[in-house]
Protein backbone atom coordinates (compact mmCIF):
# COMPACT_ATOMS: atom_id res chain seq x y z
CA MET A 1 130.55 -64.51 51.75
CA SER A 2 129.38 -63.88 55.04
CA LEU A 3 128.03 -61.03 57.25
CA VAL A 4 131.54 -61.17 59.02
CA ALA A 5 133.43 -60.88 55.70
CA LEU A 6 131.08 -58.09 54.73
CA TRP A 7 131.83 -56.18 57.84
CA ASP A 8 135.51 -56.85 57.36
CA ASN A 9 135.45 -55.38 54.12
CA ALA A 10 134.26 -51.75 55.81
CA LEU A 11 136.80 -52.00 58.11
CA THR A 12 139.47 -52.60 56.07
CA GLY A 13 137.63 -50.28 53.17
CA GLY A 14 139.39 -47.31 55.11
CA LYS A 15 139.54 -43.83 53.02
CA ALA A 16 138.59 -45.89 49.82
CA GLU A 17 135.31 -44.87 48.45
CA TRP A 18 132.38 -46.74 48.65
CA MET A 19 129.27 -44.35 47.80
CA ALA A 20 130.08 -41.44 45.23
CA LEU A 21 127.02 -38.82 45.17
CA PRO A 22 126.71 -35.46 43.25
CA GLY A 23 128.76 -33.29 44.97
CA ALA A 24 129.98 -35.72 47.79
CA SER A 25 131.43 -38.83 48.50
CA MET A 26 131.34 -41.47 51.26
CA ASP A 27 134.48 -43.69 52.20
CA TYR A 28 134.43 -46.88 53.99
CA ALA A 29 135.59 -44.91 57.10
CA ALA A 30 132.44 -43.01 57.04
CA LEU A 31 130.24 -46.18 56.42
CA VAL A 32 131.72 -47.84 59.70
CA GLN A 33 131.02 -44.58 61.46
CA ALA A 34 127.09 -44.94 60.16
CA VAL A 35 126.92 -48.10 60.53
CA ARG A 36 128.05 -48.16 64.30
CA ARG A 37 125.78 -45.13 64.79
CA TRP A 38 122.47 -46.73 63.63
CA CYS A 39 123.10 -49.76 65.90
CA GLY A 40 123.34 -47.40 68.94
CA TRP A 41 120.08 -46.13 67.94
CA PHE A 42 118.84 -49.53 67.48
CA ASP A 43 119.48 -50.12 71.45
CA THR A 44 118.29 -46.94 72.19
CA ALA A 45 114.77 -47.55 70.58
CA GLY A 46 115.00 -51.07 72.32
CA ILE A 47 115.47 -53.25 68.79
CA GLY A 48 116.84 -56.64 68.94
CA VAL A 49 117.77 -59.30 66.37
CA GLY A 50 114.34 -60.28 63.90
CA ASP A 51 112.82 -56.84 65.32
CA ARG A 52 111.54 -55.52 61.86
CA VAL A 53 112.74 -51.15 61.63
CA LEU A 54 110.64 -49.73 58.90
CA ILE A 55 112.98 -46.59 57.17
CA ARG A 56 110.75 -44.28 54.63
CA THR A 57 113.40 -41.62 53.12
CA SER A 58 114.20 -40.09 49.57
CA ASP A 59 117.91 -39.68 51.00
CA ASP A 60 120.47 -42.25 49.04
CA VAL A 61 123.02 -42.06 52.36
CA VAL A 62 120.31 -42.60 55.40
CA ALA A 63 118.73 -45.49 52.96
CA ALA A 64 121.96 -47.40 52.46
CA THR A 65 123.92 -46.71 55.42
CA GLY A 66 120.22 -47.72 57.51
CA PHE A 67 119.76 -50.79 54.95
CA ILE A 68 123.35 -52.31 55.93
CA ALA A 69 123.40 -51.64 59.36
CA ALA A 70 120.23 -53.30 60.31
CA MET A 71 121.35 -56.14 57.67
CA LEU A 72 124.71 -56.51 59.48
CA ASP A 73 123.15 -56.32 63.05
CA GLY A 74 120.21 -58.82 62.65
CA VAL A 75 117.67 -56.37 62.66
CA VAL A 76 115.44 -56.81 59.45
CA PRO A 77 115.00 -53.60 57.76
CA VAL A 78 111.90 -52.83 55.59
CA LEU A 79 112.90 -50.07 53.00
CA MET A 80 110.23 -47.51 51.47
CA THR A 81 110.67 -45.09 49.34
CA GLY A 82 110.45 -41.09 50.39
CA ASP A 83 106.99 -40.83 48.71
CA MET A 84 105.36 -43.38 49.94
CA PRO A 85 101.44 -42.54 51.03
CA ASP A 86 101.17 -43.16 55.12
CA LEU A 87 98.54 -45.12 55.04
CA ARG A 88 100.00 -47.35 52.95
CA ALA A 89 103.07 -47.08 55.40
CA LEU A 90 101.31 -47.73 58.48
CA ALA A 91 99.84 -50.75 57.06
CA VAL A 92 103.20 -51.90 56.66
CA ALA A 93 104.08 -51.54 59.75
CA HIS A 94 101.20 -53.05 61.24
CA THR A 95 101.67 -56.03 58.88
CA VAL A 96 105.17 -56.83 60.22
CA ALA A 97 104.70 -55.58 63.90
CA ALA A 98 107.73 -52.90 63.31
CA LYS A 99 109.37 -51.72 66.14
CA ALA A 100 110.62 -48.49 65.13
CA PHE A 101 109.91 -45.86 62.04
CA ALA A 102 112.85 -44.28 61.04
CA ALA A 103 111.50 -41.87 58.70
CA ASP A 104 112.05 -37.98 56.66
CA GLN A 105 108.88 -36.98 57.64
CA LEU A 106 106.55 -38.93 60.24
CA PRO A 107 103.09 -40.14 59.80
CA ALA A 108 100.77 -37.53 60.77
CA GLY A 109 99.14 -38.21 64.02
CA GLN A 110 101.15 -41.28 64.79
CA PRO A 111 102.28 -40.76 68.58
CA GLY A 112 102.64 -44.63 68.76
CA ILE A 113 105.80 -44.59 66.05
CA THR A 114 109.07 -44.46 68.29
CA VAL A 115 111.65 -42.69 66.34
CA GLY A 116 115.12 -42.73 67.97
CA PRO A 117 115.04 -40.44 71.23
CA GLU A 118 112.47 -38.44 70.25
CA THR A 119 108.79 -39.41 69.46
CA THR A 120 107.41 -36.13 67.30
CA GLY A 121 108.81 -34.28 64.26
CA GLY A 122 110.87 -35.52 61.34
CA TRP A 123 113.66 -37.67 62.40
CA PHE A 124 116.88 -36.87 59.81
CA SER A 125 118.17 -33.84 60.10
CA ARG A 126 119.39 -32.53 56.28
CA LYS A 127 120.97 -29.45 57.78
CA VAL A 128 124.59 -30.65 58.74
CA ASP A 129 124.17 -34.52 58.64
CA PRO A 130 121.93 -36.92 56.78
CA LEU A 131 122.10 -39.01 59.58
CA GLY A 132 121.73 -35.91 61.92
CA GLY A 133 118.99 -37.89 64.23
CA LEU A 134 121.45 -40.60 65.11
CA PRO A 135 123.21 -40.99 68.40
CA ASP A 136 127.33 -39.86 68.03
CA ALA A 137 128.20 -42.78 69.38
CA GLY A 138 127.29 -46.41 68.53
CA ARG A 139 128.60 -50.17 68.48
CA ASP A 140 129.91 -52.90 66.54
CA PRO A 141 126.97 -54.90 64.57
CA ARG A 142 125.95 -57.98 66.06
CA LEU A 143 126.84 -60.11 62.78
CA PRO A 144 124.37 -62.90 63.83
CA GLN A 145 125.23 -66.30 61.56
CA GLY A 146 122.95 -69.10 60.27
CA PRO A 147 121.56 -68.66 56.72
CA ASP A 148 117.82 -68.58 57.71
CA GLY A 149 117.42 -65.33 59.71
CA LEU A 150 115.79 -62.61 57.49
CA ALA A 151 118.20 -60.46 55.83
CA TYR A 152 114.98 -57.91 54.50
CA VAL A 153 111.80 -57.65 54.05
CA LEU A 154 110.58 -55.81 50.58
CA PHE A 155 107.09 -54.61 50.18
CA THR A 156 106.80 -55.48 45.80
CA SER A 157 103.05 -54.42 46.10
CA GLY A 158 99.92 -54.92 47.83
CA THR A 159 96.66 -52.88 48.94
CA THR A 160 96.64 -51.12 52.11
CA ALA A 161 94.52 -53.58 53.68
CA SER A 162 96.65 -56.25 52.64
CA PRO A 163 100.51 -55.41 51.66
CA SER A 164 102.65 -58.59 50.39
CA GLY A 165 106.13 -58.68 51.88
CA VAL A 166 109.04 -61.32 49.84
CA GLN A 167 111.51 -62.50 53.21
CA ILE A 168 114.69 -62.60 51.98
CA THR A 169 116.86 -64.52 54.19
CA ARG A 170 120.79 -64.22 54.71
CA GLY A 171 121.73 -67.42 53.10
CA ASN A 172 119.24 -66.23 49.98
CA LEU A 173 120.91 -62.52 50.04
CA LEU A 174 124.88 -63.91 50.21
CA ALA A 175 124.07 -66.61 47.59
CA ASN A 176 123.10 -63.80 45.08
CA LEU A 177 125.38 -61.72 45.87
CA ALA A 178 128.51 -64.63 45.61
CA THR A 179 127.01 -65.21 42.18
CA LEU A 180 126.70 -62.02 40.79
CA SER A 181 130.18 -61.23 42.10
CA ARG A 182 131.87 -63.96 40.30
CA LEU A 183 129.98 -63.27 36.85
CA PHE A 184 130.77 -59.79 36.49
CA ASP A 185 134.16 -59.87 37.97
CA PHE A 186 133.43 -57.20 40.80
CA GLY A 187 136.23 -56.23 42.70
CA PRO A 188 138.14 -53.64 44.71
CA ARG A 189 138.82 -51.41 41.53
CA SER A 190 135.00 -51.70 40.46
CA ARG A 191 133.25 -48.82 40.03
CA ILE A 192 129.44 -49.68 39.87
CA PHE A 193 126.84 -46.83 38.21
CA ASN A 194 123.75 -47.64 39.54
CA ASP A 195 121.01 -45.00 40.12
CA MET A 196 118.11 -46.77 40.47
CA ILE A 197 115.69 -46.67 43.39
CA LEU A 198 117.76 -48.22 46.69
CA ALA A 199 113.95 -49.06 47.67
CA HIS A 200 113.80 -51.69 44.76
CA ALA A 201 116.19 -54.84 45.06
CA ASP A 202 118.13 -54.26 42.25
CA GLY A 203 118.74 -50.76 43.39
CA MET A 204 119.71 -51.60 46.57
CA ILE A 205 121.49 -54.84 46.10
CA GLN A 206 123.36 -54.17 43.13
CA GLY A 207 124.79 -51.06 43.88
CA PRO A 208 125.45 -50.57 48.05
CA VAL A 209 125.33 -53.83 49.07
CA MET A 210 127.43 -55.36 45.92
CA ALA A 211 129.84 -52.79 46.46
CA LEU A 212 130.40 -53.56 50.44
CA ALA A 213 130.38 -57.11 49.13
CA ASN A 214 133.70 -56.47 46.64
CA ARG A 215 135.00 -53.52 48.62
CA CYS A 216 134.49 -51.23 45.83
CA ALA A 217 132.37 -48.12 45.22
CA VAL A 218 128.81 -47.68 43.76
CA VAL A 219 128.01 -44.41 41.94
CA ARG A 220 124.48 -42.73 42.40
CA SER A 221 123.91 -39.93 40.19
CA GLY A 222 120.40 -38.11 41.70
CA GLY A 223 117.99 -39.64 39.61
CA PHE A 224 117.38 -39.94 35.70
CA THR A 225 115.94 -37.58 33.46
CA ILE A 226 115.46 -36.86 30.01
CA ALA A 227 116.29 -32.99 30.25
CA GLY A 228 119.42 -34.11 32.71
CA MET A 229 120.43 -37.25 30.63
CA GLU A 230 123.35 -35.99 28.90
CA LYS A 231 124.66 -34.82 32.56
CA TRP A 232 123.70 -38.35 33.89
CA LEU A 233 125.79 -39.97 31.00
CA GLY A 234 128.78 -37.91 31.39
CA ARG A 235 128.89 -39.07 35.13
CA VAL A 236 129.68 -42.44 33.56
CA ARG A 237 133.05 -41.19 32.71
CA GLN A 238 133.66 -38.55 35.08
CA SER A 239 132.95 -41.60 37.48
CA ARG A 240 135.24 -43.98 36.15
CA ALA A 241 132.57 -46.59 36.06
CA SER A 242 133.34 -50.33 35.36
CA HIS A 243 129.72 -51.41 35.51
CA VAL A 244 126.92 -49.49 34.13
CA ILE A 245 123.73 -50.88 35.69
CA THR A 246 119.74 -49.79 34.87
CA VAL A 247 116.70 -51.32 33.42
CA PRO A 248 115.76 -51.61 29.88
CA THR A 249 113.59 -48.53 29.76
CA ILE A 250 116.28 -46.10 30.58
CA TRP A 251 118.61 -48.10 27.79
CA ALA A 252 115.55 -47.25 25.28
CA MET A 253 115.44 -43.35 25.91
CA ILE A 254 119.48 -43.48 26.15
CA ASP A 255 119.56 -45.19 22.22
CA ALA A 256 116.72 -42.95 21.36
CA TYR A 257 117.69 -39.04 22.74
CA ALA A 258 121.29 -39.51 23.54
CA ALA A 259 123.07 -37.19 21.56
CA HIS A 260 126.78 -38.75 21.11
CA ASP A 261 127.87 -42.20 21.32
CA ASP A 262 131.19 -42.29 23.67
CA TYR A 263 129.63 -42.27 26.84
CA PHE A 264 131.22 -45.92 27.54
CA ASP A 265 134.45 -45.45 25.86
CA ALA A 266 136.59 -45.07 28.73
CA SER A 267 139.13 -48.63 29.23
CA GLU A 268 137.60 -49.41 32.64
CA CYS A 269 133.74 -48.90 31.27
CA THR A 270 133.59 -53.01 30.73
CA HIS A 271 129.97 -54.26 31.18
CA LEU A 272 127.04 -52.80 30.28
CA MET A 273 123.81 -54.46 32.37
CA SER A 274 120.26 -54.45 32.06
CA VAL A 275 118.08 -55.90 34.73
CA ALA A 276 114.52 -55.57 36.23
CA ALA A 277 112.71 -56.84 33.02
CA LYS A 278 113.60 -58.83 29.12
CA LEU A 279 115.52 -56.54 27.20
CA PRO A 280 113.93 -56.06 23.37
CA GLU A 281 116.54 -58.29 20.85
CA GLU A 282 116.24 -55.00 18.52
CA LEU A 283 117.39 -52.63 21.49
CA TRP A 284 120.41 -54.81 22.57
CA ALA A 285 121.76 -55.06 18.92
CA ARG A 286 121.92 -51.28 18.35
CA LEU A 287 123.21 -50.60 21.94
CA GLU A 288 126.02 -52.73 21.25
CA GLY A 289 126.57 -51.76 17.56
CA ARG A 290 126.37 -48.00 18.72
CA PHE A 291 128.23 -48.09 21.91
CA GLU A 292 130.92 -51.00 21.69
CA ARG A 293 130.74 -52.61 24.41
CA PRO A 294 129.00 -55.97 25.54
CA VAL A 295 125.43 -55.83 27.13
CA TYR A 296 124.63 -58.39 29.59
CA ASN A 297 120.87 -58.98 30.38
CA GLN A 298 119.84 -60.17 33.73
CA TYR A 299 116.06 -61.85 34.42
CA GLY A 300 115.18 -62.47 38.10
CA LEU A 301 112.35 -61.44 40.42
CA THR A 302 112.43 -59.66 43.86
CA GLU A 303 111.89 -63.42 45.28
CA THR A 304 115.18 -64.27 43.61
CA VAL A 305 117.27 -61.68 45.86
CA ALA A 306 117.89 -59.87 42.29
CA SER A 307 118.43 -62.11 39.43
CA ALA A 308 118.52 -65.97 38.47
CA LEU A 309 119.20 -66.02 34.68
CA TYR A 310 121.89 -64.57 32.78
CA ALA A 311 122.38 -63.86 28.91
CA GLY A 312 125.53 -62.03 27.64
CA PRO A 313 129.09 -62.91 26.51
CA GLN A 314 130.42 -64.51 29.24
CA HIS A 315 130.52 -68.48 28.98
CA GLU A 316 127.63 -69.53 31.40
CA MET A 317 125.10 -67.27 30.08
CA GLY A 318 122.75 -67.65 27.74
CA ALA A 319 122.17 -66.47 24.12
CA PHE A 320 121.91 -63.05 22.62
CA GLY A 321 118.15 -61.86 22.85
CA THR A 322 116.78 -64.66 25.55
CA ILE A 323 116.41 -63.95 29.00
CA GLY A 324 119.28 -66.34 29.54
CA LYS A 325 120.60 -69.53 31.39
CA PRO A 326 120.25 -70.53 35.17
CA VAL A 327 123.33 -69.55 37.08
CA ASP A 328 123.95 -71.50 40.30
CA CYS A 329 120.31 -72.43 40.46
CA GLU A 330 117.92 -74.67 38.31
CA ALA A 331 115.35 -73.84 35.98
CA ARG A 332 112.55 -75.37 33.92
CA ILE A 333 109.32 -74.98 32.40
CA ASP A 334 106.41 -76.29 34.20
CA PRO A 335 106.43 -80.62 33.68
CA GLU A 336 102.61 -80.47 33.52
CA ALA A 337 102.67 -77.82 30.40
CA SER A 338 100.78 -79.89 27.43
CA GLY A 339 103.40 -78.38 24.86
CA PRO A 340 106.70 -76.71 24.70
CA GLU A 341 105.51 -73.73 26.74
CA GLY A 342 104.65 -73.69 30.05
CA GLU A 343 105.24 -71.22 33.36
CA LEU A 344 109.02 -70.69 34.20
CA GLN A 345 110.09 -72.30 37.40
CA LEU A 346 113.11 -71.63 39.48
CA LYS A 347 114.85 -73.27 42.46
CA GLY A 348 117.93 -72.65 43.89
CA ALA A 349 119.59 -70.99 47.34
CA HIS A 350 118.54 -67.24 46.53
CA ILE A 351 115.29 -68.15 45.96
CA PHE A 352 113.00 -66.79 48.76
CA PRO A 353 111.40 -69.20 51.94
CA GLY A 354 108.02 -67.13 51.37
CA TYR A 355 105.73 -64.34 52.09
CA TRP A 356 105.85 -62.44 55.21
CA GLN A 357 102.80 -64.16 57.34
CA ASP A 358 100.88 -65.12 54.00
CA ALA A 359 100.96 -69.05 54.47
CA GLU A 360 97.96 -69.20 51.05
CA ARG A 361 100.13 -66.98 48.98
CA THR A 362 103.50 -68.65 49.48
CA ARG A 363 101.69 -72.17 49.16
CA ALA A 364 100.21 -70.80 45.57
CA SER A 365 103.74 -69.47 44.47
CA PHE A 366 105.49 -72.99 44.79
CA THR A 367 104.94 -76.50 43.26
CA SER A 368 104.23 -79.19 45.67
CA ASP A 369 108.28 -80.36 45.26
CA GLY A 370 109.49 -77.01 45.87
CA TRP A 371 109.82 -74.78 42.78
CA LEU A 372 109.21 -71.05 42.66
CA LYS A 373 106.14 -70.48 40.26
CA THR A 374 107.54 -66.75 38.23
CA GLY A 375 104.24 -66.38 36.64
CA ASP A 376 106.17 -66.10 33.23
CA LEU A 377 104.71 -68.10 30.05
CA ALA A 378 108.63 -69.27 28.56
CA ARG A 379 109.94 -71.88 26.29
CA LEU A 380 113.11 -73.59 26.75
CA ARG A 381 115.62 -73.74 23.35
CA GLY A 382 118.24 -76.47 22.33
CA ASP A 383 121.33 -74.36 23.69
CA GLY A 384 119.65 -74.19 27.34
CA SER A 385 118.72 -70.47 27.24
CA PHE A 386 115.10 -69.61 28.20
CA ASP A 387 112.95 -67.15 25.99
CA VAL A 388 109.76 -65.88 28.00
CA LEU A 389 106.61 -65.01 26.24
CA ALA A 390 104.07 -63.45 28.16
CA ARG A 391 103.17 -63.13 31.49
CA ILE A 392 100.73 -65.62 33.43
CA LYS A 393 99.52 -63.32 36.30
CA SER A 394 97.96 -59.77 35.84
CA VAL A 395 100.69 -57.76 37.13
CA ILE A 396 101.96 -54.92 35.22
CA MET A 397 105.71 -54.71 34.09
CA MET A 398 106.42 -51.23 33.52
CA GLY A 399 109.97 -49.71 32.50
CA GLY A 400 111.09 -52.91 35.14
CA PHE A 401 108.26 -51.85 38.05
CA LEU A 402 106.32 -54.70 38.99
CA ILE A 403 102.65 -53.09 39.65
CA ARG A 404 99.67 -54.75 40.86
CA PRO A 405 96.83 -53.55 39.31
CA ASP A 406 94.32 -54.45 42.63
CA GLU A 407 96.32 -52.15 44.30
CA ILE A 408 95.58 -49.09 42.42
CA ASP A 409 91.70 -50.49 42.11
CA GLU A 410 92.05 -50.57 45.86
CA ALA A 411 93.17 -46.70 46.35
CA MET A 412 90.69 -45.69 43.55
CA LEU A 413 87.56 -47.17 44.95
CA ARG A 414 88.48 -44.68 48.49
CA HIS A 415 87.05 -41.86 46.13
CA PRO A 416 83.66 -41.62 47.15
CA ALA A 417 82.69 -40.71 43.17
CA VAL A 418 84.20 -43.97 42.31
CA ARG A 419 82.17 -46.92 42.04
CA GLU A 420 83.96 -48.92 39.91
CA SER A 421 87.51 -49.72 38.58
CA VAL A 422 89.37 -51.70 36.85
CA THR A 423 93.17 -51.20 36.13
CA LEU A 424 94.83 -52.77 33.41
CA GLY A 425 98.41 -52.73 31.58
CA ILE A 426 98.52 -51.28 28.17
CA GLU A 427 101.29 -51.57 25.75
CA ASP A 428 103.93 -49.15 25.29
CA ALA A 429 106.84 -48.63 22.83
CA MET A 430 109.13 -47.41 25.52
CA PHE A 431 108.01 -48.53 29.37
CA ASP A 432 106.60 -51.93 28.08
CA GLU A 433 103.15 -51.81 29.74
CA VAL A 434 101.62 -48.72 31.49
CA PRO A 435 98.73 -48.77 34.16
CA VAL A 436 95.73 -47.17 32.64
CA THR A 437 92.25 -47.35 34.90
CA ALA A 438 88.74 -47.15 33.74
CA VAL A 439 86.13 -46.13 36.27
CA VAL A 440 82.70 -45.88 36.65
CA LEU A 441 81.23 -43.07 38.65
CA GLN A 442 78.55 -42.08 40.76
CA ALA A 443 79.05 -38.39 41.24
CA LYS A 444 81.17 -36.21 39.21
CA ALA A 445 84.88 -36.30 39.39
CA SER A 446 87.58 -34.85 36.91
CA GLU A 447 90.68 -37.04 35.81
CA GLU A 448 92.74 -34.47 37.63
CA GLU A 449 90.85 -34.67 40.78
CA LEU A 450 91.24 -38.55 40.43
CA THR A 451 94.74 -38.62 39.70
CA ALA A 452 95.44 -36.23 42.55
CA HIS A 453 93.66 -38.96 45.19
CA ALA A 454 95.91 -41.33 43.52
CA ARG A 455 98.99 -39.56 44.26
CA ALA A 456 97.70 -39.02 47.89
CA TYR A 457 97.54 -43.35 47.86
CA LEU A 458 99.99 -44.58 46.02
CA GLU A 459 103.80 -44.43 45.11
CA SER A 460 104.37 -42.11 42.01
CA GLN A 461 105.55 -44.85 39.95
CA LYS A 462 101.96 -46.62 40.53
CA VAL A 463 99.52 -43.85 39.71
CA PRO A 464 97.59 -44.69 36.59
CA LYS A 465 98.92 -42.77 33.53
CA ARG A 466 95.49 -42.54 32.55
CA ILE A 467 92.00 -42.58 34.14
CA VAL A 468 89.21 -42.92 32.26
CA ALA A 469 85.55 -42.41 32.98
CA MET A 470 83.31 -44.96 31.18
CA ASP A 471 79.64 -45.49 31.46
CA ALA A 472 80.23 -49.02 32.03
CA ILE A 473 83.33 -51.65 32.46
CA PRO A 474 82.39 -53.97 29.39
CA ARG A 475 81.76 -57.35 31.82
CA GLY A 476 80.78 -61.01 30.83
CA ASP A 477 78.38 -63.20 31.82
CA SER A 478 80.40 -64.43 35.22
CA GLY A 479 80.68 -60.36 36.16
CA LYS A 480 84.30 -60.49 35.14
CA ALA A 481 85.80 -57.76 32.97
CA ARG A 482 86.26 -58.52 29.68
CA LEU A 483 89.94 -57.23 29.86
CA LYS A 484 90.68 -57.43 25.88
CA GLU A 485 87.83 -55.32 25.22
CA LEU A 486 88.33 -52.63 27.86
CA ARG A 487 92.09 -52.43 26.74
CA ASP A 488 91.14 -52.16 23.32
CA LEU A 489 89.18 -49.61 24.60
CA LEU A 490 91.52 -47.85 26.65
CA GLY A 491 94.06 -48.06 24.53
CA THR A 492 92.14 -45.38 22.22
CA LYS A 493 92.20 -42.84 25.24
CA GLN A 494 95.63 -41.81 25.67
CA PRO A 495 96.53 -37.95 25.86
CA GLY A 496 97.42 -35.24 23.49
CA GLY A 497 95.34 -36.63 20.33
CA GLY A 498 94.06 -34.35 17.69
CA GLU A 499 95.18 -31.42 15.28
CA ALA A 500 96.58 -27.93 16.80
CA ASP A 501 93.90 -25.37 16.81
CA ALA A 502 94.79 -22.35 14.86
CA SER A 503 93.00 -19.89 16.60
CA GLU A 504 94.89 -20.23 19.84
CA ASP A 505 98.26 -19.08 20.27
CA LEU A 506 101.16 -21.58 20.75
CA GLU A 507 101.62 -21.17 24.18
CA SER A 508 98.12 -21.29 25.02
CA GLN A 509 98.21 -24.95 22.86
CA VAL A 510 101.31 -26.05 24.40
CA ILE A 511 99.96 -25.12 28.19
CA ALA A 512 96.61 -26.84 27.68
CA LEU A 513 98.53 -29.89 26.30
CA ALA A 514 100.79 -30.11 28.79
CA ALA A 515 97.71 -29.82 31.71
CA ASP A 516 95.98 -33.12 29.50
CA VAL A 517 99.12 -34.96 29.32
CA PHE A 518 100.11 -34.22 33.47
CA ARG A 519 96.05 -34.11 34.18
CA VAL A 520 96.27 -30.90 36.21
CA ASP A 521 94.38 -27.77 35.57
CA PRO A 522 95.95 -25.71 33.14
CA ALA A 523 95.47 -22.56 35.64
CA ALA A 524 98.13 -24.14 37.77
CA LEU A 525 100.33 -24.23 34.60
CA SER A 526 102.65 -21.27 33.54
CA LEU A 527 105.65 -20.79 30.44
CA GLN A 528 108.04 -21.70 33.24
CA SER A 529 106.04 -24.75 35.02
CA ARG A 530 108.81 -27.37 34.89
CA GLY A 531 109.59 -31.19 36.26
CA GLY A 532 109.41 -30.85 40.06
CA SER A 533 107.26 -27.81 40.12
CA VAL A 534 104.23 -29.63 38.78
CA ALA A 535 102.80 -32.95 40.31
CA GLY A 536 103.15 -35.97 37.83
CA TRP A 537 105.83 -34.33 35.68
CA ASP A 538 108.34 -37.20 35.67
CA SER A 539 110.82 -38.42 33.37
CA PHE A 540 107.61 -40.98 32.01
CA SER A 541 105.24 -37.71 31.39
CA GLN A 542 108.04 -35.67 29.85
CA LEU A 543 108.46 -38.09 27.16
CA ASN A 544 104.86 -38.16 27.14
CA PHE A 545 104.54 -34.47 26.65
CA LEU A 546 107.28 -34.46 24.07
CA MET A 547 105.44 -37.63 21.58
CA ALA A 548 102.47 -35.60 22.36
CA ALA A 549 103.62 -32.35 21.17
CA GLU A 550 105.50 -33.93 18.19
CA ASP A 551 101.67 -35.40 17.20
CA ARG A 552 99.92 -32.28 17.88
CA PHE A 553 102.05 -29.73 15.95
CA GLN A 554 103.38 -32.55 13.49
CA VAL A 555 107.04 -31.84 14.34
CA SER A 556 109.96 -34.03 14.72
CA VAL A 557 112.36 -33.27 18.01
CA PRO A 558 115.95 -34.33 17.17
CA ALA A 559 118.05 -35.58 20.22
CA SER A 560 120.05 -32.68 20.56
CA LEU A 561 117.16 -31.11 21.46
CA VAL A 562 115.24 -33.10 23.64
CA ALA A 563 117.93 -32.37 26.63
CA GLN A 564 116.99 -28.67 26.31
CA ILE A 565 113.49 -29.39 27.00
CA GLU A 566 112.90 -28.23 30.56
CA THR A 567 110.23 -26.38 31.03
CA ILE A 568 107.33 -25.43 28.70
CA ALA A 569 108.40 -22.43 27.44
CA ASP A 570 111.65 -24.39 26.11
CA MET A 571 109.11 -26.50 24.33
CA VAL A 572 107.09 -23.74 22.84
CA SER A 573 110.47 -22.44 21.72
CA ALA A 574 111.44 -25.88 20.18
CA ILE A 575 108.24 -26.21 18.06
CA LYS A 576 108.62 -22.79 16.71
CA ARG A 577 112.43 -23.52 16.23
CA LEU A 578 110.90 -26.66 14.30
CA ARG A 579 108.08 -24.97 12.10
CA ARG A 580 110.30 -22.85 10.33
C-alpha cells in the first residue's frame, strides 16, 4: 500500500460511489476533482510539502476531501471539529506554525490567517458547493514517497497554552491500513457504515480513508441521536452496509433502546465492529445473541493510527471479552512489573514517532528500548489475549473519546469567579466515564453560567457533565486533591434527583428538570425546546434527561417510545401516557 496506490484507486474508481451522505452521494470522479481543486488551493496559498494546514469544519465532504488531498500532496493536515473554540484553534495554529487555515468560519480578528485567495470572512460556501471556496482548476497531488514524512497531525487533547499533537507518518498510516484491510476483508464491494466524528482517528481513517484504500464506499448518516436512532439504523440496510463501525457507547444505546432486531440481517452485512474503547463482555454477548452477527472489538490509541489489538472470530484475533491479540505488531506487559499485571506496551510499524515538538512528553511515552507506554493496566492470558483492567493515567474515556482533565481545569480557571478547579471521571453505565468538575468560587456564579463559559473554551464533548461548587476541594498534606474522596462526593451530585412536586403542574416540572439536566435557565426553555435549539442538548444529555425523568416521575420509558421523544412536550406526553 502506498500513496500512489491510493491515488490510483481514486483515478480508476470513476462513477463508483466513494461517500454516501444523507440525500447526496459523491463518486470517485468527484473525489478526484476535489483533490485537484484542493491542490490548486495549496499552490495559491503557498503551501508546500511538509507545511501544515488547519481544517476546522462540520462538513463531511470538506473534512474528508481536504484531509485526503493534503495527505496525498505531502501537506500535513491538522483536522479539527467545527465547534473547536477559536482560542484553542489559534493555539494549535501557532503550535504547528500553520501555513493556512481553512474553516467554515474564521476566528474573529485574525487578519494574519490566509484563506485561499481571500483573507476575510468564512471560506467555504454552502449555497451550492461545499467546496465553493476552492479554485475551479487544480493539479494532481505530488504523492511524495518515503515512510518518514508526516501524513497528518491530530490534536487529541491539551490545553490552549500547550496543545499536544500526535504525529502520524505515512509509514504508520499505510501499515495500519494494510492490517485493517486484510483482517476485516475490505474490498471494492465493501460499504463501510461509519458515522463517527471525522476529526477523530477512527472516524477518518476507518471511514473515508479506508474506503479509498480499498476503492469502496463509506456511508455517513448525519450523526447519531437517540431520537433518530431508528432512522440511523434503518440506513444500515438501505445503504447495503457490509461493515458497521461505532463505539461501545453507541452499541449500548442500540442494545438498550432499539425497537427491532433485524437491522443487520441483510446477507452483505458481515461485520459489526466496536472501536475506541473496550466493549463490555455482557454487552458483547447481548449484541451477538440479539443480532446474530459476529462482533469484533478493536483496541488502539490515536498514537497507533487506529488499532493494534483485535478480538473476534477471525483466526488471528484474541478471545471474546478481551481487547484481543496484537496483529502486525507486538504487545507486552511492562517487564519491570512486580506481578502478572502491568502497563500494556506496544511496538510496531504503525506506532507513532512522537508528539509535535514535545521531546519531553515523547521520551516519557516510550521505554528505553522503544516500546510505547499505553497508560493502560493489563494482564496477559494464556492464549495470548490481553485484558485491560484499568487506566494508569488520569485521562477520562467517555464513550470512546479521550478527555484530559487538565484541559477542562485550565478552561474553568479562566472564569474570574473560579479559584480552584479539579476534574475527574465519574463512572457511568452507558458512557464508561463522564467528566465532572468541582470548583471553589471566589465570587458568585451559577452552574449555568459556568457551563456556558466551558462551552466557549471547549469542544462540546469535553464540556463537564456537571460543575459542582464546593466550599473546599479535599486535599492531602502535600496539597494534592484526594481524588477518591472527591469522586465519592461528586458522584452524589448528579442531575434530576428528588421526587416530583405534586403542587406544580407537570409541564413546569418537566421544564425545570430539563433546565437542571441541560444546565440552562428554565426561562430559556419551552415545551417546543428540542435538541439543536438548546445549548448542551446532545445525545448524552438526552439520555440523562430520559433517565432523570424516569427517576423523578417513577415511570419506565419503553424502547418503543424513546425515539419519539424529541421535545420537552414529547417527554410530558410520554409521562402522562405511562402514568395511566
